[in-house]
Structure formats: C-alpha cells, structure tokens
N, C-alpha and C. Protein backbone atom coordinates (compact mmCIF):
# COMPACT_ATOMS: atom_id res chain seq x y z
N MET A 1 0.85 -1.18 0.00
CA MET A 1 0.00 0.00 0.00
C MET A 1 0.89 1.24 0.00
N VAL A 2 0.57 2.18 -0.86
CA VAL A 2 1.33 3.42 -0.97
C VAL A 2 0.41 4.58 -0.61
N ASP A 3 0.91 5.49 0.21
CA ASP A 3 0.18 6.70 0.56
C ASP A 3 1.07 7.90 0.31
N VAL A 4 0.56 8.85 -0.45
CA VAL A 4 1.28 10.08 -0.74
C VAL A 4 0.34 11.23 -0.44
N ARG A 5 0.82 12.19 0.35
CA ARG A 5 -0.03 13.34 0.71
C ARG A 5 0.79 14.61 0.51
N ARG A 6 0.18 15.57 -0.17
CA ARG A 6 0.82 16.87 -0.39
C ARG A 6 -0.23 17.95 -0.20
N SER A 7 0.19 19.10 0.35
CA SER A 7 -0.70 20.26 0.51
C SER A 7 -0.02 21.50 -0.05
N PHE A 8 -0.84 22.36 -0.64
CA PHE A 8 -0.33 23.61 -1.20
C PHE A 8 -1.50 24.57 -1.37
N THR A 9 -1.19 25.84 -1.50
CA THR A 9 -2.22 26.87 -1.64
C THR A 9 -2.12 27.50 -3.02
N VAL A 10 -3.29 27.73 -3.61
CA VAL A 10 -3.35 28.40 -4.92
C VAL A 10 -4.20 29.66 -4.78
N PRO A 11 -3.81 30.74 -5.49
CA PRO A 11 -4.59 31.97 -5.42
C PRO A 11 -5.79 31.93 -6.37
N CYS A 12 -6.75 31.09 -6.00
CA CYS A 12 -7.95 30.89 -6.82
C CYS A 12 -9.09 30.53 -5.85
N PRO A 13 -10.28 31.07 -6.04
CA PRO A 13 -11.40 30.78 -5.14
C PRO A 13 -11.76 29.28 -5.11
N LEU A 14 -12.16 28.82 -3.95
CA LEU A 14 -12.46 27.41 -3.71
C LEU A 14 -13.44 26.83 -4.73
N ASP A 15 -14.53 27.53 -5.01
CA ASP A 15 -15.53 26.97 -5.93
C ASP A 15 -14.96 26.75 -7.33
N ARG A 16 -14.08 27.64 -7.79
CA ARG A 16 -13.47 27.46 -9.11
C ARG A 16 -12.48 26.30 -9.12
N VAL A 17 -11.76 26.14 -8.01
CA VAL A 17 -10.80 25.04 -7.90
C VAL A 17 -11.54 23.71 -7.95
N VAL A 18 -12.60 23.58 -7.17
CA VAL A 18 -13.36 22.33 -7.12
C VAL A 18 -14.02 22.06 -8.47
N GLU A 19 -14.59 23.08 -9.08
CA GLU A 19 -15.24 22.91 -10.39
C GLU A 19 -14.24 22.38 -11.42
N TYR A 20 -13.04 22.93 -11.41
CA TYR A 20 -12.02 22.51 -12.37
C TYR A 20 -11.58 21.06 -12.11
N LEU A 21 -11.26 20.75 -10.87
CA LEU A 21 -10.72 19.43 -10.55
C LEU A 21 -11.78 18.33 -10.56
N ALA A 22 -13.06 18.67 -10.48
CA ALA A 22 -14.12 17.66 -10.49
C ALA A 22 -14.18 16.91 -11.82
N ASP A 23 -13.74 17.55 -12.90
CA ASP A 23 -13.73 16.90 -14.20
C ASP A 23 -12.39 16.16 -14.34
N PHE A 24 -12.40 14.87 -14.06
CA PHE A 24 -11.17 14.09 -14.02
C PHE A 24 -10.50 13.98 -15.38
N SER A 25 -11.21 14.29 -16.46
CA SER A 25 -10.56 14.28 -17.77
C SER A 25 -9.44 15.32 -17.81
N ARG A 26 -9.48 16.27 -16.92
CA ARG A 26 -8.43 17.29 -16.83
C ARG A 26 -7.18 16.78 -16.12
N ALA A 27 -7.20 15.56 -15.62
CA ALA A 27 -6.02 15.00 -14.95
C ALA A 27 -4.80 15.04 -15.85
N LYS A 28 -5.01 14.95 -17.15
CA LYS A 28 -3.86 15.00 -18.08
C LYS A 28 -3.19 16.37 -18.03
N GLU A 29 -3.87 17.39 -17.50
CA GLU A 29 -3.29 18.72 -17.37
C GLU A 29 -2.49 18.88 -16.08
N TRP A 30 -2.82 18.09 -15.05
CA TRP A 30 -2.15 18.28 -13.75
C TRP A 30 -1.44 17.04 -13.20
N ASP A 31 -1.77 15.86 -13.69
CA ASP A 31 -1.14 14.63 -13.19
C ASP A 31 0.00 14.25 -14.12
N PRO A 32 1.24 14.27 -13.63
CA PRO A 32 2.38 14.00 -14.51
C PRO A 32 2.38 12.62 -15.14
N GLY A 33 1.67 11.66 -14.57
CA GLY A 33 1.63 10.31 -15.13
C GLY A 33 0.54 10.08 -16.15
N THR A 34 -0.50 10.91 -16.14
CA THR A 34 -1.64 10.70 -17.03
C THR A 34 -1.32 11.12 -18.45
N ARG A 35 -1.59 10.19 -19.39
CA ARG A 35 -1.38 10.47 -20.82
C ARG A 35 -2.70 10.74 -21.52
N GLU A 36 -3.76 10.04 -21.09
CA GLU A 36 -5.10 10.23 -21.66
C GLU A 36 -6.11 10.04 -20.53
N CYS A 37 -7.19 10.78 -20.61
CA CYS A 37 -8.27 10.58 -19.63
C CYS A 37 -9.55 11.06 -20.29
N THR A 38 -10.42 10.12 -20.62
CA THR A 38 -11.63 10.45 -21.37
C THR A 38 -12.87 10.02 -20.60
N PRO A 39 -13.92 10.84 -20.67
CA PRO A 39 -15.16 10.48 -19.99
C PRO A 39 -15.73 9.18 -20.54
N ALA A 40 -16.21 8.33 -19.66
CA ALA A 40 -16.82 7.06 -20.08
C ALA A 40 -18.33 7.20 -20.22
N ASP A 41 -18.90 8.28 -19.67
CA ASP A 41 -20.36 8.40 -19.60
C ASP A 41 -20.95 9.56 -20.38
N GLY A 42 -20.13 10.33 -21.06
CA GLY A 42 -20.66 11.48 -21.78
C GLY A 42 -19.52 12.32 -22.30
N PRO A 43 -19.84 13.43 -22.92
CA PRO A 43 -18.80 14.27 -23.52
C PRO A 43 -17.97 15.01 -22.47
N ALA A 44 -16.73 15.31 -22.83
CA ALA A 44 -15.87 16.12 -21.96
C ALA A 44 -16.52 17.48 -21.78
N GLY A 45 -16.37 18.05 -20.60
CA GLY A 45 -16.94 19.36 -20.33
C GLY A 45 -18.38 19.32 -19.87
N ALA A 46 -19.00 18.13 -19.87
CA ALA A 46 -20.37 18.02 -19.39
C ALA A 46 -20.38 18.20 -17.87
N THR A 47 -21.54 18.50 -17.31
CA THR A 47 -21.65 18.63 -15.86
C THR A 47 -21.26 17.31 -15.21
N VAL A 48 -20.38 17.40 -14.21
CA VAL A 48 -19.87 16.21 -13.54
C VAL A 48 -20.67 15.95 -12.27
N THR A 49 -21.18 14.73 -12.15
CA THR A 49 -21.94 14.35 -10.96
C THR A 49 -21.29 13.13 -10.32
N ARG A 50 -21.66 12.90 -9.09
CA ARG A 50 -21.18 11.72 -8.38
C ARG A 50 -21.52 10.47 -9.20
N GLY A 51 -20.56 9.56 -9.32
CA GLY A 51 -20.75 8.35 -10.12
C GLY A 51 -20.19 8.45 -11.53
N ALA A 52 -19.82 9.67 -11.95
CA ALA A 52 -19.23 9.84 -13.29
C ALA A 52 -17.96 8.99 -13.39
N ARG A 53 -17.66 8.52 -14.62
CA ARG A 53 -16.50 7.63 -14.82
C ARG A 53 -15.62 8.13 -15.95
N TRP A 54 -14.33 7.80 -15.83
CA TRP A 54 -13.34 8.17 -16.84
C TRP A 54 -12.42 7.00 -17.10
N HIS A 55 -12.02 6.86 -18.35
CA HIS A 55 -11.01 5.86 -18.73
C HIS A 55 -9.67 6.60 -18.72
N ASN A 56 -8.76 6.17 -17.86
CA ASN A 56 -7.48 6.83 -17.66
C ASN A 56 -6.34 5.95 -18.15
N VAL A 57 -5.45 6.53 -18.95
CA VAL A 57 -4.24 5.84 -19.39
C VAL A 57 -3.06 6.60 -18.80
N SER A 58 -2.28 5.93 -17.99
CA SER A 58 -1.11 6.53 -17.36
C SER A 58 0.14 5.80 -17.80
N GLU A 59 1.24 6.51 -17.67
CA GLU A 59 2.53 5.87 -17.90
C GLU A 59 3.29 5.92 -16.59
N PHE A 60 3.76 4.76 -16.17
CA PHE A 60 4.47 4.67 -14.90
C PHE A 60 5.69 3.79 -15.09
N ARG A 61 6.85 4.37 -14.90
CA ARG A 61 8.11 3.66 -15.06
C ARG A 61 8.22 3.02 -16.45
N GLY A 62 7.77 3.78 -17.47
CA GLY A 62 7.88 3.32 -18.85
C GLY A 62 6.80 2.36 -19.30
N ARG A 63 5.85 2.06 -18.44
CA ARG A 63 4.77 1.13 -18.81
C ARG A 63 3.43 1.83 -18.77
N ARG A 64 2.59 1.50 -19.75
CA ARG A 64 1.23 2.04 -19.79
C ARG A 64 0.33 1.25 -18.84
N THR A 65 -0.50 1.98 -18.13
CA THR A 65 -1.47 1.38 -17.22
C THR A 65 -2.82 2.01 -17.48
N GLU A 66 -3.86 1.20 -17.55
CA GLU A 66 -5.20 1.71 -17.76
C GLU A 66 -6.05 1.43 -16.53
N LEU A 67 -6.77 2.45 -16.09
CA LEU A 67 -7.68 2.32 -14.97
C LEU A 67 -9.02 2.96 -15.33
N MET A 68 -10.07 2.46 -14.74
CA MET A 68 -11.38 3.08 -14.87
C MET A 68 -11.62 3.83 -13.55
N TYR A 69 -11.72 5.14 -13.63
CA TYR A 69 -11.94 5.98 -12.44
C TYR A 69 -13.41 6.33 -12.31
N ARG A 70 -13.84 6.46 -11.07
CA ARG A 70 -15.22 6.85 -10.75
C ARG A 70 -15.17 7.95 -9.68
N LEU A 71 -16.02 8.94 -9.80
CA LEU A 71 -16.13 9.98 -8.79
C LEU A 71 -17.05 9.46 -7.68
N ASP A 72 -16.46 9.11 -6.55
CA ASP A 72 -17.22 8.54 -5.43
C ASP A 72 -17.76 9.59 -4.47
N VAL A 73 -17.04 10.70 -4.31
CA VAL A 73 -17.48 11.76 -3.40
C VAL A 73 -17.33 13.09 -4.12
N LYS A 74 -18.42 13.85 -4.13
CA LYS A 74 -18.38 15.22 -4.67
C LYS A 74 -19.10 16.11 -3.67
N GLU A 75 -18.31 16.85 -2.92
CA GLU A 75 -18.81 17.78 -1.92
C GLU A 75 -18.18 19.14 -2.19
N PRO A 76 -18.72 20.21 -1.62
CA PRO A 76 -18.14 21.54 -1.88
C PRO A 76 -16.67 21.66 -1.47
N ASP A 77 -16.20 20.80 -0.56
CA ASP A 77 -14.81 20.89 -0.11
C ASP A 77 -14.05 19.56 -0.22
N ARG A 78 -14.58 18.63 -1.03
CA ARG A 78 -13.89 17.34 -1.16
C ARG A 78 -14.32 16.62 -2.44
N LEU A 79 -13.31 16.00 -3.10
CA LEU A 79 -13.54 15.13 -4.26
C LEU A 79 -12.75 13.85 -4.03
N VAL A 80 -13.40 12.71 -4.29
CA VAL A 80 -12.70 11.43 -4.18
C VAL A 80 -12.94 10.64 -5.46
N PHE A 81 -11.84 10.30 -6.13
CA PHE A 81 -11.87 9.50 -7.35
C PHE A 81 -11.23 8.15 -7.04
N VAL A 82 -11.89 7.06 -7.47
CA VAL A 82 -11.35 5.72 -7.26
C VAL A 82 -11.15 5.06 -8.61
N GLY A 83 -9.91 4.66 -8.87
CA GLY A 83 -9.56 4.00 -10.12
C GLY A 83 -9.22 2.55 -9.88
N THR A 84 -9.70 1.68 -10.75
CA THR A 84 -9.44 0.25 -10.57
C THR A 84 -9.01 -0.40 -11.89
N ASN A 85 -8.19 -1.42 -11.73
CA ASN A 85 -7.88 -2.34 -12.81
C ASN A 85 -7.57 -3.68 -12.14
N ARG A 86 -7.05 -4.63 -12.88
CA ARG A 86 -6.86 -5.96 -12.30
C ARG A 86 -5.72 -6.03 -11.29
N THR A 87 -4.81 -5.02 -11.28
CA THR A 87 -3.66 -5.08 -10.38
C THR A 87 -3.65 -4.05 -9.26
N ALA A 88 -4.57 -3.05 -9.31
CA ALA A 88 -4.50 -2.00 -8.30
C ALA A 88 -5.83 -1.29 -8.13
N VAL A 89 -5.96 -0.66 -6.95
CA VAL A 89 -7.04 0.29 -6.68
C VAL A 89 -6.34 1.59 -6.27
N SER A 90 -6.61 2.65 -7.02
CA SER A 90 -5.96 3.93 -6.77
C SER A 90 -7.02 4.95 -6.37
N THR A 91 -6.82 5.58 -5.22
CA THR A 91 -7.77 6.58 -4.74
C THR A 91 -7.09 7.94 -4.68
N ASP A 92 -7.68 8.91 -5.35
CA ASP A 92 -7.23 10.30 -5.28
C ASP A 92 -8.26 11.05 -4.45
N ASP A 93 -7.87 11.46 -3.25
CA ASP A 93 -8.75 12.13 -2.30
C ASP A 93 -8.27 13.58 -2.20
N LEU A 94 -9.06 14.51 -2.70
CA LEU A 94 -8.69 15.92 -2.68
C LEU A 94 -9.61 16.67 -1.74
N THR A 95 -9.01 17.39 -0.79
CA THR A 95 -9.81 18.22 0.11
C THR A 95 -9.39 19.67 -0.10
N PHE A 96 -10.34 20.58 0.18
CA PHE A 96 -10.15 22.00 -0.12
C PHE A 96 -10.58 22.84 1.08
N ARG A 97 -9.84 23.93 1.31
CA ARG A 97 -10.19 24.86 2.38
C ARG A 97 -9.90 26.27 1.88
N ALA A 98 -10.89 27.15 2.02
CA ALA A 98 -10.69 28.54 1.64
C ALA A 98 -9.66 29.16 2.58
N GLU A 99 -8.75 29.92 2.00
CA GLU A 99 -7.71 30.60 2.78
C GLU A 99 -7.62 32.04 2.32
N GLY A 100 -7.81 32.92 3.25
CA GLY A 100 -7.70 34.33 2.90
C GLY A 100 -8.71 34.72 1.84
N GLU A 101 -8.42 35.80 1.16
CA GLU A 101 -9.35 36.29 0.16
C GLU A 101 -9.00 35.70 -1.21
N GLY A 102 -9.83 34.78 -1.67
CA GLY A 102 -9.66 34.22 -3.01
C GLY A 102 -8.61 33.15 -3.16
N ALA A 103 -8.15 32.55 -2.07
CA ALA A 103 -7.15 31.49 -2.15
C ALA A 103 -7.74 30.18 -1.62
N THR A 104 -7.16 29.06 -2.06
CA THR A 104 -7.64 27.74 -1.65
C THR A 104 -6.47 26.87 -1.28
N ARG A 105 -6.59 26.22 -0.14
CA ARG A 105 -5.61 25.22 0.30
C ARG A 105 -6.09 23.87 -0.22
N ILE A 106 -5.25 23.20 -1.01
CA ILE A 106 -5.57 21.88 -1.57
C ILE A 106 -4.71 20.85 -0.86
N THR A 107 -5.35 19.79 -0.38
CA THR A 107 -4.61 18.64 0.13
C THR A 107 -4.91 17.48 -0.80
N TYR A 108 -3.85 16.95 -1.40
CA TYR A 108 -3.95 15.85 -2.35
C TYR A 108 -3.43 14.60 -1.64
N HIS A 109 -4.27 13.58 -1.58
CA HIS A 109 -3.88 12.32 -0.93
C HIS A 109 -4.12 11.19 -1.93
N ALA A 110 -3.04 10.56 -2.35
CA ALA A 110 -3.13 9.40 -3.25
C ALA A 110 -2.87 8.15 -2.42
N HIS A 111 -3.75 7.19 -2.58
CA HIS A 111 -3.64 5.91 -1.86
C HIS A 111 -3.73 4.80 -2.91
N ILE A 112 -2.67 4.00 -3.02
CA ILE A 112 -2.65 2.94 -4.02
C ILE A 112 -2.51 1.60 -3.31
N ARG A 113 -3.47 0.73 -3.58
CA ARG A 113 -3.44 -0.62 -3.00
C ARG A 113 -3.27 -1.61 -4.15
N PHE A 114 -2.18 -2.33 -4.12
CA PHE A 114 -1.91 -3.31 -5.17
C PHE A 114 -2.60 -4.63 -4.84
N LYS A 115 -3.00 -5.34 -5.89
CA LYS A 115 -3.70 -6.61 -5.74
C LYS A 115 -2.78 -7.76 -6.15
N GLY A 116 -3.03 -8.92 -5.56
CA GLY A 116 -2.34 -10.14 -5.97
C GLY A 116 -0.83 -10.02 -5.93
N ILE A 117 -0.20 -10.57 -6.94
CA ILE A 117 1.26 -10.60 -7.01
C ILE A 117 1.87 -9.20 -7.11
N ALA A 118 1.09 -8.24 -7.60
CA ALA A 118 1.59 -6.87 -7.73
C ALA A 118 1.95 -6.28 -6.37
N ARG A 119 1.38 -6.82 -5.29
CA ARG A 119 1.70 -6.32 -3.95
C ARG A 119 3.18 -6.47 -3.63
N LEU A 120 3.85 -7.42 -4.26
CA LEU A 120 5.27 -7.63 -4.00
C LEU A 120 6.12 -6.45 -4.44
N ALA A 121 5.63 -5.69 -5.42
CA ALA A 121 6.38 -4.54 -5.93
C ALA A 121 6.18 -3.29 -5.07
N ASP A 122 5.23 -3.33 -4.17
CA ASP A 122 4.88 -2.16 -3.36
C ASP A 122 6.08 -1.44 -2.76
N PRO A 123 6.99 -2.11 -2.05
CA PRO A 123 8.11 -1.40 -1.44
C PRO A 123 9.03 -0.71 -2.45
N PHE A 124 9.10 -1.26 -3.64
CA PHE A 124 9.99 -0.72 -4.67
C PHE A 124 9.38 0.48 -5.39
N LEU A 125 8.07 0.63 -5.30
CA LEU A 125 7.39 1.69 -6.02
C LEU A 125 7.15 2.94 -5.19
N ARG A 126 7.28 2.84 -3.89
CA ARG A 126 7.00 3.99 -3.02
C ARG A 126 7.78 5.23 -3.40
N ARG A 127 9.07 5.09 -3.65
CA ARG A 127 9.90 6.25 -3.98
C ARG A 127 9.39 6.93 -5.25
N GLU A 128 9.00 6.14 -6.24
CA GLU A 128 8.50 6.72 -7.49
C GLU A 128 7.18 7.47 -7.25
N PHE A 129 6.30 6.92 -6.43
CA PHE A 129 5.05 7.62 -6.13
C PHE A 129 5.31 8.90 -5.33
N GLU A 130 6.29 8.88 -4.45
CA GLU A 130 6.67 10.10 -3.71
C GLU A 130 7.17 11.16 -4.68
N ARG A 131 7.96 10.75 -5.68
CA ARG A 131 8.46 11.69 -6.68
C ARG A 131 7.29 12.30 -7.46
N LEU A 132 6.31 11.47 -7.83
CA LEU A 132 5.13 11.97 -8.54
C LEU A 132 4.35 12.95 -7.65
N GLY A 133 4.28 12.65 -6.35
CA GLY A 133 3.62 13.57 -5.41
C GLY A 133 4.31 14.92 -5.39
N ASP A 134 5.65 14.90 -5.41
CA ASP A 134 6.39 16.17 -5.46
C ASP A 134 6.09 16.93 -6.74
N GLU A 135 5.98 16.22 -7.86
CA GLU A 135 5.68 16.87 -9.13
C GLU A 135 4.29 17.51 -9.12
N ILE A 136 3.35 16.85 -8.47
CA ILE A 136 1.97 17.38 -8.43
C ILE A 136 1.93 18.73 -7.73
N THR A 137 2.84 18.96 -6.78
CA THR A 137 2.86 20.27 -6.11
C THR A 137 3.23 21.39 -7.08
N ARG A 138 3.77 21.05 -8.24
CA ARG A 138 4.07 22.04 -9.27
C ARG A 138 3.02 22.02 -10.38
N THR A 139 2.65 20.82 -10.84
CA THR A 139 1.77 20.72 -12.00
C THR A 139 0.31 21.07 -11.69
N MET A 140 -0.21 20.64 -10.52
CA MET A 140 -1.60 20.95 -10.21
C MET A 140 -1.83 22.45 -10.01
N PRO A 141 -1.01 23.13 -9.20
CA PRO A 141 -1.23 24.58 -9.08
C PRO A 141 -1.15 25.32 -10.41
N ARG A 142 -0.22 24.93 -11.26
CA ARG A 142 -0.07 25.57 -12.57
C ARG A 142 -1.36 25.39 -13.40
N ALA A 143 -1.90 24.17 -13.40
CA ALA A 143 -3.12 23.89 -14.17
C ALA A 143 -4.32 24.63 -13.58
N VAL A 144 -4.44 24.62 -12.26
CA VAL A 144 -5.56 25.32 -11.60
C VAL A 144 -5.48 26.80 -11.90
N LEU A 145 -4.30 27.39 -11.82
CA LEU A 145 -4.14 28.83 -12.10
C LEU A 145 -4.48 29.16 -13.54
N ALA A 146 -4.10 28.29 -14.48
CA ALA A 146 -4.46 28.53 -15.88
C ALA A 146 -5.97 28.53 -16.03
N HIS A 147 -6.65 27.62 -15.37
CA HIS A 147 -8.11 27.57 -15.42
C HIS A 147 -8.71 28.81 -14.76
N CYS A 148 -8.17 29.17 -13.63
CA CYS A 148 -8.69 30.31 -12.88
C CYS A 148 -8.58 31.59 -13.73
N GLY A 149 -7.49 31.72 -14.42
CA GLY A 149 -7.32 32.88 -15.31
C GLY A 149 -8.31 32.85 -16.46
N ASP A 150 -8.55 31.63 -17.01
CA ASP A 150 -9.51 31.48 -18.11
C ASP A 150 -10.93 31.74 -17.66
N ALA A 151 -11.21 31.40 -16.38
CA ALA A 151 -12.58 31.50 -15.88
C ALA A 151 -12.88 32.89 -15.28
N ALA A 152 -11.89 33.77 -15.27
CA ALA A 152 -12.11 35.09 -14.68
C ALA A 152 -13.19 35.86 -15.45
N PRO A 153 -14.00 36.62 -14.72
CA PRO A 153 -15.07 37.38 -15.40
C PRO A 153 -14.53 38.48 -16.27
C-alpha cells in the first residue's frame, strides 16, 4: 500500500478550484503520469456528478497502465476519485479549504493498493510515487491557475 499526501495553496477561489478538478478528464493537465483521460459516460466538459466515470491511461516507469476511475465523493470541499484495474485500486482524495481572500488550500492524498502478485512490488514503487507527489505540487497549481485565469469574469 502506498500513501502520498501533499498540501499547497493556490490563489484561486475554492468553488473554481473544485469545479475545475471535479472533471477528471483534466487529470492530463495536472497529473504528470496521465497520458489520456476520457469520460466514459458522456462528452468532456459536461456537468460532472457523483458516479461519473473516466477511462485513464497513465505511464508509470515506462509502462502504460489503464484504470477506470469513478467519482465517489463530490462535496463543496472534497472530491474522491477511485480508479481500478486488475492489479491496483488507486484513490485520489482531494480536500479543499478557503484561505484568505480568493485562495484555496488543496490537500492531495493518493492511496494505491496493489492486488495479488503486484503487492510484492509495493516497497519498490513507493519512492516513485513520492516523486510523482512532489511533481503534483508544481503541475496541479499551474493547471488550476491557468483555469482560474480562463474562468475570470
């Protein structure tokens, strides 16, 4: 089992941050491992509701991995996406807190549970997931800020 947690603040209002990150097809803009992420239940940009699903293709250590993600929790201050395939269950748990005027504190928690024989690789993969967590502290704020600028009135 791998757990990676990172927190950072972005100068963007909470509602805009949550609206942007709720559409998991945008993971390719902020997740350094995601190569493709397409809605499984409707067109990209459609209103996202609890239960929405995405087909995600990631590259990890030179190998392609496909997971089907589902939005399990959608609250004004929390989003939880659960991705599954035959070798792993990956949970991206994002919580949000308004800070100051127009800023949002994001806590990103990735939890990966390997299944079957893949569990043996768990200790060897932790460092790589930690590195990806460090990258997210740069890529997610950059993507959120680009959206926030685009969404400005």
